């Protein structure tokens, strides 16, 4: 991801762009762990005196994670691809004709 960012922003804004990328990664990590914790805490089952996440809670958490992964894949597919420029021989490296 940082390579895509460096290619897409001017050199003077590379530090700000990388900082924003790091911030968004941290927010995503915090949000995903919070959502998972809420789902698992909300869907529990009692086993003896212990209260544990239920199978349904784990399934819901996994479905939410799968949905987020599909959204991430969709966003990734929207990133424009760069076509490699055709290789043009350098005149200085081409031997001169006799």
N, C-alpha and C. Protein backbone atom coordinates (compact mmCIF):
# COMPACT_ATOMS: atom_id res chain seq x y z
N UNK A 1 0.80 -1.19 0.00
CA UNK A 1 0.00 0.00 0.00
C UNK A 1 0.86 1.27 0.00
N UNK A 2 1.92 1.35 0.79
CA UNK A 2 2.72 2.57 0.74
C UNK A 2 3.29 2.86 -0.65
N UNK A 3 3.60 1.83 -1.43
CA UNK A 3 4.11 2.06 -2.78
C UNK A 3 3.05 2.71 -3.65
N UNK A 4 1.80 2.28 -3.51
CA UNK A 4 0.71 2.91 -4.26
C UNK A 4 0.54 4.36 -3.85
N UNK A 5 0.68 4.63 -2.56
CA UNK A 5 0.54 5.99 -2.06
C UNK A 5 1.65 6.87 -2.60
N UNK A 6 2.87 6.37 -2.57
CA UNK A 6 4.02 7.15 -3.06
C UNK A 6 3.89 7.47 -4.54
N UNK A 7 3.33 6.54 -5.31
CA UNK A 7 3.14 6.78 -6.74
C UNK A 7 2.02 7.78 -7.01
N UNK A 8 1.07 7.90 -6.09
CA UNK A 8 -0.12 8.70 -6.34
C UNK A 8 -0.05 10.13 -5.82
N UNK A 9 0.90 10.43 -4.95
CA UNK A 9 0.95 11.78 -4.37
C UNK A 9 2.26 12.46 -4.73
N UNK A 10 2.25 13.79 -4.75
CA UNK A 10 3.50 14.52 -4.98
C UNK A 10 4.49 14.25 -3.85
N UNK A 11 5.76 14.39 -4.16
CA UNK A 11 6.82 14.09 -3.18
C UNK A 11 6.63 14.92 -1.91
N UNK A 12 6.23 16.15 -2.03
CA UNK A 12 6.06 17.02 -0.86
C UNK A 12 4.94 16.59 0.07
N UNK A 13 4.01 15.77 -0.41
CA UNK A 13 2.89 15.33 0.41
C UNK A 13 3.02 13.87 0.84
N UNK A 14 4.16 13.25 0.58
CA UNK A 14 4.30 11.82 0.88
C UNK A 14 4.22 11.53 2.38
N UNK A 15 4.79 12.39 3.20
CA UNK A 15 4.74 12.16 4.65
C UNK A 15 3.31 12.27 5.16
N UNK A 16 2.57 13.26 4.69
CA UNK A 16 1.18 13.41 5.12
C UNK A 16 0.34 12.24 4.63
N UNK A 17 0.57 11.79 3.42
CA UNK A 17 -0.19 10.66 2.88
C UNK A 17 0.10 9.37 3.65
N UNK A 18 1.36 9.14 3.98
CA UNK A 18 1.70 7.95 4.77
C UNK A 18 1.13 8.05 6.18
N UNK A 19 1.12 9.24 6.75
CA UNK A 19 0.53 9.43 8.07
C UNK A 19 -0.97 9.15 8.06
N UNK A 20 -1.65 9.61 7.02
CA UNK A 20 -3.08 9.35 6.90
C UNK A 20 -3.34 7.86 6.72
N UNK A 21 -2.49 7.18 5.95
CA UNK A 21 -2.62 5.74 5.77
C UNK A 21 -2.47 5.02 7.12
N UNK A 22 -1.49 5.41 7.90
CA UNK A 22 -1.28 4.79 9.21
C UNK A 22 -2.47 5.05 10.14
N UNK A 23 -2.99 6.27 10.11
CA UNK A 23 -4.15 6.60 10.93
C UNK A 23 -5.36 5.76 10.55
N UNK A 24 -5.62 5.62 9.26
CA UNK A 24 -6.77 4.84 8.81
C UNK A 24 -6.61 3.36 9.16
N UNK A 25 -5.39 2.85 9.11
CA UNK A 25 -5.15 1.46 9.51
C UNK A 25 -5.43 1.28 11.00
N UNK A 26 -5.01 2.25 11.82
CA UNK A 26 -5.25 2.16 13.26
C UNK A 26 -6.74 2.26 13.58
N UNK A 27 -7.44 3.15 12.90
CA UNK A 27 -8.89 3.29 13.11
C UNK A 27 -9.60 2.00 12.69
N UNK A 28 -9.21 1.42 11.57
CA UNK A 28 -9.81 0.17 11.11
C UNK A 28 -9.57 -0.97 12.08
N UNK A 29 -8.37 -1.04 12.62
CA UNK A 29 -8.06 -2.09 13.59
C UNK A 29 -8.90 -1.93 14.85
N UNK A 30 -8.99 -0.71 15.36
CA UNK A 30 -9.77 -0.46 16.57
C UNK A 30 -11.25 -0.73 16.34
N UNK A 31 -11.76 -0.29 15.20
CA UNK A 31 -13.18 -0.49 14.90
C UNK A 31 -13.51 -1.98 14.75
N UNK A 32 -12.67 -2.70 14.03
CA UNK A 32 -12.96 -4.13 13.82
C UNK A 32 -12.89 -4.92 15.12
N UNK A 33 -11.92 -4.62 15.96
CA UNK A 33 -11.85 -5.36 17.22
C UNK A 33 -13.01 -4.99 18.14
N UNK A 34 -13.45 -3.74 18.10
CA UNK A 34 -14.60 -3.33 18.92
C UNK A 34 -15.89 -4.00 18.46
N UNK A 35 -16.11 -4.04 17.17
CA UNK A 35 -17.32 -4.69 16.64
C UNK A 35 -17.32 -6.17 17.00
N UNK A 36 -16.17 -6.81 16.84
CA UNK A 36 -16.07 -8.24 17.18
C UNK A 36 -16.36 -8.46 18.66
N UNK A 37 -15.81 -7.61 19.52
CA UNK A 37 -16.04 -7.75 20.96
C UNK A 37 -17.51 -7.55 21.31
N UNK A 38 -18.16 -6.58 20.69
CA UNK A 38 -19.58 -6.33 20.97
C UNK A 38 -20.43 -7.52 20.55
N UNK A 39 -20.14 -8.05 19.36
CA UNK A 39 -20.92 -9.20 18.87
C UNK A 39 -20.71 -10.41 19.78
N UNK A 40 -19.46 -10.70 20.13
CA UNK A 40 -19.19 -11.87 20.97
C UNK A 40 -19.74 -11.70 22.38
N UNK A 41 -19.72 -10.48 22.91
CA UNK A 41 -20.26 -10.24 24.25
C UNK A 41 -21.78 -10.27 24.25
N UNK A 42 -22.38 -9.90 23.13
CA UNK A 42 -23.84 -9.87 23.06
C UNK A 42 -24.46 -11.23 22.82
N UNK A 43 -23.76 -12.11 22.17
CA UNK A 43 -24.28 -13.44 21.86
C UNK A 43 -23.49 -14.48 22.66
N UNK A 44 -23.96 -14.74 23.86
CA UNK A 44 -23.24 -15.64 24.76
C UNK A 44 -24.09 -16.86 25.10
N UNK A 45 -23.43 -17.84 25.66
CA UNK A 45 -24.10 -19.04 26.14
C UNK A 45 -23.52 -19.39 27.50
N UNK A 46 -24.37 -19.82 28.40
CA UNK A 46 -23.91 -20.22 29.73
C UNK A 46 -23.49 -21.68 29.72
N UNK A 47 -22.29 -21.91 30.21
CA UNK A 47 -21.78 -23.28 30.35
C UNK A 47 -21.41 -23.44 31.82
N UNK A 48 -22.29 -24.07 32.56
CA UNK A 48 -22.06 -24.15 34.01
C UNK A 48 -22.16 -22.75 34.60
N UNK A 49 -21.13 -22.35 35.31
CA UNK A 49 -21.11 -21.00 35.88
C UNK A 49 -20.41 -20.00 34.96
N UNK A 50 -19.85 -20.49 33.86
CA UNK A 50 -19.13 -19.60 32.93
C UNK A 50 -20.06 -19.12 31.82
N UNK A 51 -19.81 -17.91 31.37
CA UNK A 51 -20.54 -17.35 30.23
C UNK A 51 -19.53 -17.17 29.10
N UNK A 52 -19.77 -17.88 28.01
CA UNK A 52 -18.84 -17.88 26.87
C UNK A 52 -19.55 -17.42 25.61
N UNK A 53 -18.80 -16.95 24.62
CA UNK A 53 -19.43 -16.61 23.34
C UNK A 53 -20.09 -17.86 22.74
N UNK A 54 -21.28 -17.68 22.21
CA UNK A 54 -22.00 -18.81 21.63
C UNK A 54 -21.50 -19.08 20.21
N UNK A 55 -21.89 -20.23 19.68
CA UNK A 55 -21.54 -20.57 18.30
C UNK A 55 -22.15 -19.56 17.34
N UNK A 56 -23.36 -19.11 17.65
CA UNK A 56 -24.01 -18.10 16.80
C UNK A 56 -23.23 -16.79 16.83
N UNK A 57 -22.71 -16.43 17.98
CA UNK A 57 -21.90 -15.21 18.08
C UNK A 57 -20.64 -15.29 17.24
N UNK A 58 -20.00 -16.44 17.28
CA UNK A 58 -18.79 -16.62 16.48
C UNK A 58 -19.14 -16.59 14.99
N UNK A 59 -20.26 -17.21 14.62
CA UNK A 59 -20.67 -17.19 13.21
C UNK A 59 -20.98 -15.78 12.75
N UNK A 60 -21.68 -15.01 13.57
CA UNK A 60 -22.00 -13.62 13.20
C UNK A 60 -20.72 -12.81 13.06
N UNK A 61 -19.79 -12.97 13.99
CA UNK A 61 -18.52 -12.24 13.91
C UNK A 61 -17.76 -12.61 12.65
N UNK A 62 -17.75 -13.89 12.30
CA UNK A 62 -17.06 -14.32 11.08
C UNK A 62 -17.77 -13.81 9.83
N UNK A 63 -19.10 -13.77 9.84
CA UNK A 63 -19.83 -13.23 8.69
C UNK A 63 -19.55 -11.74 8.51
N UNK A 64 -19.49 -11.01 9.60
CA UNK A 64 -19.16 -9.58 9.51
C UNK A 64 -17.75 -9.40 8.96
N UNK A 65 -16.82 -10.23 9.42
CA UNK A 65 -15.45 -10.16 8.92
C UNK A 65 -15.38 -10.50 7.44
N UNK A 66 -16.14 -11.52 7.03
CA UNK A 66 -16.17 -11.89 5.61
C UNK A 66 -16.75 -10.75 4.77
N UNK A 67 -17.80 -10.12 5.27
CA UNK A 67 -18.38 -8.98 4.56
C UNK A 67 -17.40 -7.83 4.42
N UNK A 68 -16.67 -7.55 5.49
CA UNK A 68 -15.66 -6.48 5.43
C UNK A 68 -14.55 -6.84 4.45
N UNK A 69 -14.20 -8.12 4.39
CA UNK A 69 -13.17 -8.55 3.44
C UNK A 69 -13.64 -8.39 2.00
N UNK A 70 -14.91 -8.68 1.75
CA UNK A 70 -15.45 -8.52 0.40
C UNK A 70 -15.48 -7.04 0.02
N UNK A 71 -15.86 -6.19 0.95
CA UNK A 71 -15.84 -4.74 0.68
C UNK A 71 -14.41 -4.29 0.39
N UNK A 72 -13.45 -4.79 1.17
CA UNK A 72 -12.04 -4.46 0.92
C UNK A 72 -11.57 -4.92 -0.44
N UNK A 73 -12.01 -6.11 -0.86
CA UNK A 73 -11.66 -6.60 -2.19
C UNK A 73 -12.24 -5.70 -3.26
N UNK A 74 -13.49 -5.28 -3.06
CA UNK A 74 -14.12 -4.38 -4.03
C UNK A 74 -13.38 -3.06 -4.15
N UNK A 75 -12.97 -2.51 -3.02
CA UNK A 75 -12.21 -1.25 -3.04
C UNK A 75 -10.87 -1.46 -3.73
N UNK A 76 -10.24 -2.60 -3.47
CA UNK A 76 -8.95 -2.90 -4.10
C UNK A 76 -9.09 -2.99 -5.61
N UNK A 77 -10.17 -3.57 -6.09
CA UNK A 77 -10.37 -3.70 -7.53
C UNK A 77 -10.63 -2.35 -8.19
N UNK A 78 -11.01 -1.35 -7.41
CA UNK A 78 -11.24 -0.01 -7.96
C UNK A 78 -9.97 0.81 -8.09
N UNK A 79 -8.86 0.33 -7.54
CA UNK A 79 -7.60 1.06 -7.64
C UNK A 79 -7.15 1.03 -9.10
N UNK A 80 -6.89 2.19 -9.70
CA UNK A 80 -6.48 2.20 -11.11
C UNK A 80 -5.14 1.49 -11.30
N UNK A 81 -5.08 0.72 -12.37
CA UNK A 81 -3.84 0.02 -12.70
C UNK A 81 -3.01 0.90 -13.62
N UNK A 82 -1.71 0.83 -13.42
CA UNK A 82 -0.80 1.58 -14.29
C UNK A 82 -0.24 0.63 -15.33
N UNK A 83 -0.28 1.06 -16.56
CA UNK A 83 0.27 0.25 -17.64
C UNK A 83 1.74 0.59 -17.76
N UNK A 84 2.58 -0.45 -17.78
CA UNK A 84 4.02 -0.23 -17.90
C UNK A 84 4.33 0.37 -19.26
N UNK A 85 5.20 1.37 -19.27
CA UNK A 85 5.59 2.01 -20.52
C UNK A 85 6.40 1.04 -21.35
N UNK A 86 6.27 1.18 -22.66
CA UNK A 86 7.04 0.31 -23.56
C UNK A 86 8.52 0.61 -23.38
N UNK A 87 9.30 -0.42 -23.43
CA UNK A 87 10.74 -0.28 -23.25
C UNK A 87 11.35 0.33 -24.50
N UNK A 88 11.97 1.48 -24.35
CA UNK A 88 12.62 2.17 -25.46
C UNK A 88 14.11 2.12 -25.20
N UNK A 89 14.90 1.57 -26.14
CA UNK A 89 16.34 1.50 -25.90
C UNK A 89 16.95 2.89 -25.78
N UNK A 90 17.86 3.02 -24.86
CA UNK A 90 18.55 4.28 -24.63
C UNK A 90 19.57 4.48 -25.75
N UNK A 91 19.58 5.66 -26.34
CA UNK A 91 20.49 5.94 -27.46
C UNK A 91 21.95 5.81 -27.03
N UNK A 92 22.26 6.14 -25.80
CA UNK A 92 23.65 6.06 -25.33
C UNK A 92 24.10 4.61 -25.19
N UNK A 93 23.18 3.69 -25.01
CA UNK A 93 23.53 2.28 -24.84
C UNK A 93 23.51 1.51 -26.16
N UNK A 94 22.95 2.11 -27.21
CA UNK A 94 22.87 1.44 -28.50
C UNK A 94 24.17 1.67 -29.25
N UNK A 95 24.81 0.59 -29.73
CA UNK A 95 26.07 0.78 -30.45
C UNK A 95 25.85 1.53 -31.76
N UNK A 96 26.78 2.37 -32.07
CA UNK A 96 26.70 3.15 -33.31
C UNK A 96 26.97 2.25 -34.51
N UNK A 97 26.28 2.53 -35.59
CA UNK A 97 26.50 1.75 -36.83
C UNK A 97 27.84 2.14 -37.43
N UNK A 98 28.57 1.16 -38.01
CA UNK A 98 29.90 1.50 -38.59
C UNK A 98 29.82 2.32 -39.85
